[in-house]
C-alpha atoms as a PDB file:
ATOM      1  CA  MET A   1     -38.841  34.308   8.120  1.00  0.00           C
ATOM      2  CA  PRO A   2     -37.398  31.348   6.159  1.00  0.00           C
ATOM      3  CA  GLN A   3     -39.313  28.091   6.135  1.00  0.00           C
ATOM      4  CA  TYR A   4     -37.779  24.646   6.559  1.00  0.00           C
ATOM      5  CA  LEU A   5     -39.010  21.118   5.991  1.00  0.00           C
ATOM      6  CA  LEU A   6     -38.241  18.723   8.831  1.00  0.00           C
ATOM      7  CA  SER A   7     -38.898  15.276   7.388  1.00  0.00           C
ATOM      8  CA  VAL A   8     -39.150  12.180   9.550  1.00  0.00           C
ATOM      9  CA  TRP A   9     -37.690   8.955   8.192  1.00  0.00           C
ATOM     10  CA  HIS A  10     -38.837   5.419   9.000  1.00  0.00           C
ATOM     11  CA  ASP A  11     -38.022   1.914   7.865  1.00  0.00           C
ATOM     12  CA  GLU A  12     -40.189   1.087   4.854  1.00  0.00           C
ATOM     13  CA  ASP A  13     -42.359  -1.361   6.783  1.00  0.00           C
ATOM     14  CA  TYR A  14     -43.557   1.042   9.481  1.00  0.00           C
ATOM     15  CA  ASP A  15     -47.105   0.562  10.683  1.00  0.00           C
ATOM     16  CA  THR A  16     -49.703   3.331  11.003  1.00  0.00           C
ATOM     17  CA  ASP A  17     -51.988   1.128  13.111  1.00  0.00           C
ATOM     18  CA  PHE A  18     -50.442   2.081  16.428  1.00  0.00           C
ATOM     19  CA  ASP A  19     -50.606  -0.419  19.278  1.00  0.00           C
ATOM     20  CA  LEU A  20     -51.543   1.887  22.141  1.00  0.00           C
ATOM     21  CA  SER A  21     -50.738  -0.844  24.652  1.00  0.00           C
ATOM     22  CA  ASP A  22     -47.057  -0.661  23.606  1.00  0.00           C
ATOM     23  CA  PRO A  23     -45.253   1.670  26.047  1.00  0.00           C
ATOM     24  CA  ASP A  24     -42.647   2.583  23.394  1.00  0.00           C
ATOM     25  CA  ILE A  25     -45.372   3.758  20.993  1.00  0.00           C
ATOM     26  CA  VAL A  26     -47.149   5.724  23.722  1.00  0.00           C
ATOM     27  CA  ARG A  27     -43.874   7.343  24.845  1.00  0.00           C
ATOM     28  CA  THR A  28     -42.999   8.409  21.295  1.00  0.00           C
ATOM     29  CA  MET A  29     -46.508   9.730  20.626  1.00  0.00           C
ATOM     30  CA  ASN A  30     -46.384  11.774  23.840  1.00  0.00           C
ATOM     31  CA  GLN A  31     -42.948  13.154  22.962  1.00  0.00           C
ATOM     32  CA  VAL A  32     -44.085  14.183  19.471  1.00  0.00           C
ATOM     33  CA  ASP A  33     -47.276  15.694  20.885  1.00  0.00           C
ATOM     34  CA  ALA A  34     -45.235  17.778  23.344  1.00  0.00           C
ATOM     35  CA  PHE A  35     -42.931  18.929  20.517  1.00  0.00           C
ATOM     36  CA  ASN A  36     -45.954  19.863  18.374  1.00  0.00           C
ATOM     37  CA  LYS A  37     -47.541  21.840  21.209  1.00  0.00           C
ATOM     38  CA  ASP A  38     -44.273  23.689  21.865  1.00  0.00           C
ATOM     39  CA  ILE A  39     -43.623  24.751  18.262  1.00  0.00           C
ATOM     40  CA  THR A  40     -47.282  25.723  17.855  1.00  0.00           C
ATOM     41  CA  ALA A  41     -47.195  27.862  21.016  1.00  0.00           C
ATOM     42  CA  ARG A  42     -43.974  29.509  19.814  1.00  0.00           C
ATOM     43  CA  GLY A  43     -45.624  30.425  16.493  1.00  0.00           C
ATOM     44  CA  ILE A  44     -43.083  28.602  14.323  1.00  0.00           C
ATOM     45  CA  TRP A  45     -45.281  25.679  13.244  1.00  0.00           C
ATOM     46  CA  VAL A  46     -46.696  26.152   9.735  1.00  0.00           C
ATOM     47  CA  PHE A  47     -48.146  22.691   9.145  1.00  0.00           C
ATOM     48  CA  GLY A  48     -47.198  19.040   9.329  1.00  0.00           C
ATOM     49  CA  GLY A  49     -48.486  15.534   9.391  1.00  0.00           C
ATOM     50  CA  GLY A  50     -47.801  11.844   9.341  1.00  0.00           C
ATOM     51  CA  LEU A  51     -47.805   9.935   6.083  1.00  0.00           C
ATOM     52  CA  GLN A  52     -49.046   6.491   5.175  1.00  0.00           C
ATOM     53  CA  PRO A  53     -46.262   4.023   4.227  1.00  0.00           C
ATOM     54  CA  ALA A  54     -44.560   4.507   0.859  1.00  0.00           C
ATOM     55  CA  SER A  55     -46.342   1.402  -0.436  1.00  0.00           C
ATOM     56  CA  THR A  56     -49.494   3.581  -0.665  1.00  0.00           C
ATOM     57  CA  ALA A  57     -47.770   6.142  -2.922  1.00  0.00           C
ATOM     58  CA  THR A  58     -48.459   6.711  -6.602  1.00  0.00           C
ATOM     59  CA  VAL A  59     -45.795   8.328  -8.788  1.00  0.00           C
ATOM     60  CA  VAL A  60     -47.023  10.438 -11.711  1.00  0.00           C
ATOM     61  CA  ARG A  61     -44.434  10.947 -14.484  1.00  0.00           C
ATOM     62  CA  PRO A  62     -44.651  13.174 -17.567  1.00  0.00           C
ATOM     63  CA  LYS A  63     -43.192  11.927 -20.863  1.00  0.00           C
ATOM     64  CA  ASP A  64     -43.774  13.167 -24.399  1.00  0.00           C
ATOM     65  CA  GLY A  65     -46.957  15.009 -23.473  1.00  0.00           C
ATOM     66  CA  GLU A  66     -48.416  11.993 -21.677  1.00  0.00           C
ATOM     67  CA  THR A  67     -48.352  10.950 -18.051  1.00  0.00           C
ATOM     68  CA  SER A  68     -47.918   7.549 -16.515  1.00  0.00           C
ATOM     69  CA  MET A  69     -48.810   6.435 -13.021  1.00  0.00           C
ATOM     70  CA  THR A  70     -46.904   3.813 -11.070  1.00  0.00           C
ATOM     71  CA  ASP A  71     -47.829   2.330  -7.704  1.00  0.00           C
ATOM     72  CA  GLY A  72     -45.246   2.561  -4.967  1.00  0.00           C
ATOM     73  CA  PRO A  73     -42.593   5.032  -3.937  1.00  0.00           C
ATOM     74  CA  TYR A  74     -40.490   7.078  -6.338  1.00  0.00           C
ATOM     75  CA  ALA A  75     -37.260   6.015  -4.647  1.00  0.00           C
ATOM     76  CA  GLU A  76     -36.403   2.414  -3.916  1.00  0.00           C
ATOM     77  CA  SER A  77     -34.963   2.742  -0.450  1.00  0.00           C
ATOM     78  CA  LYS A  78     -34.935   0.996   2.899  1.00  0.00           C
ATOM     79  CA  GLU A  79     -36.080   4.221   4.570  1.00  0.00           C
ATOM     80  CA  GLN A  80     -38.996   6.375   3.462  1.00  0.00           C
ATOM     81  CA  MET A  81     -40.407   9.688   4.650  1.00  0.00           C
ATOM     82  CA  GLY A  82     -43.065   8.935   7.234  1.00  0.00           C
ATOM     83  CA  GLY A  83     -44.070  12.441   8.288  1.00  0.00           C
ATOM     84  CA  PHE A  84     -42.998  16.044   8.303  1.00  0.00           C
ATOM     85  CA  TRP A  85     -43.226  19.512   9.776  1.00  0.00           C
ATOM     86  CA  VAL A  86     -42.963  22.805   7.953  1.00  0.00           C
ATOM     87  CA  ILE A  87     -41.558  25.374  10.352  1.00  0.00           C
ATOM     88  CA  GLU A  88     -40.419  28.978  10.278  1.00  0.00           C
ATOM     89  CA  ALA A  89     -37.023  29.679  11.810  1.00  0.00           C
ATOM     90  CA  PRO A  90     -34.747  32.721  11.668  1.00  0.00           C
ATOM     91  CA  ASP A  91     -31.864  30.698  10.198  1.00  0.00           C
ATOM     92  CA  LEU A  92     -30.510  27.214   9.548  1.00  0.00           C
ATOM     93  CA  ASP A  93     -28.946  26.941  12.998  1.00  0.00           C
ATOM     94  CA  ALA A  94     -32.334  27.505  14.636  1.00  0.00           C
ATOM     95  CA  ALA A  95     -33.943  24.960  12.267  1.00  0.00           C
ATOM     96  CA  LEU A  96     -31.230  22.419  13.120  1.00  0.00           C
ATOM     97  CA  ASP A  97     -31.841  22.960  16.825  1.00  0.00           C
ATOM     98  CA  LEU A  98     -35.545  22.225  16.295  1.00  0.00           C
ATOM     99  CA  ALA A  99     -34.643  19.165  14.220  1.00  0.00           C
ATOM    100  CA  ARG A 100     -32.525  17.847  17.107  1.00  0.00           C
ATOM    101  CA  ARG A 101     -35.574  18.100  19.342  1.00  0.00           C
ATOM    102  CA  ALA A 102     -37.815  16.544  16.675  1.00  0.00           C
ATOM    103  CA  ALA A 103     -35.409  13.623  16.199  1.00  0.00           C
ATOM    104  CA  ALA A 104     -35.322  13.057  19.957  1.00  0.00           C
ATOM    105  CA  ALA A 105     -39.128  13.144  20.108  1.00  0.00           C
ATOM    106  CA  CYS A 106     -39.517  10.735  17.168  1.00  0.00           C
ATOM    107  CA  GLU A 107     -36.562   8.627  18.240  1.00  0.00           C
ATOM    108  CA  GLY A 108     -35.400   8.537  14.628  1.00  0.00           C
ATOM    109  CA  PRO A 109     -33.727  10.545  11.875  1.00  0.00           C
ATOM    110  CA  VAL A 110     -35.060  13.933  10.787  1.00  0.00           C
ATOM    111  CA  GLU A 111     -33.828  15.647   7.625  1.00  0.00           C
ATOM    112  CA  VAL A 112     -33.739  19.467   7.487  1.00  0.00           C
ATOM    113  CA  ARG A 113     -34.200  21.169   4.151  1.00  0.00           C
ATOM    114  CA  PRO A 114     -34.799  24.870   3.471  1.00  0.00           C
ATOM    115  CA  PHE A 115     -37.494  25.964   1.054  1.00  0.00           C
ATOM    116  CA  GLN A 116     -36.439  27.956  -1.993  1.00  0.00           C
ATOM    117  CA  ASP A 117     -37.000  31.707  -1.782  1.00  0.00           C
END
């Protein structure tokens, strides 16, 4: 079955220190947890996880047989990938349906991208 990346996008300044007294945070966490449990029970979850903010990234670049390392994200952008799922779905339409549910759970944009064969 084809695999798809569902990537979750956040504003660059998102916080990973969740305020569990904030009802919006708790609601979103519960929605994502329910989505995770559903796709796991259905056997379509491969793996996934949340990411630290892009400010924690290091980009490694090859050039002329050497490599350089630069702190920060590869892309300068207002939005950065904040988490992801790798799922198995019979086709793109099924993956897009799951992405709709993921976006609703996260209350934010989710990009769908198929893996190469």
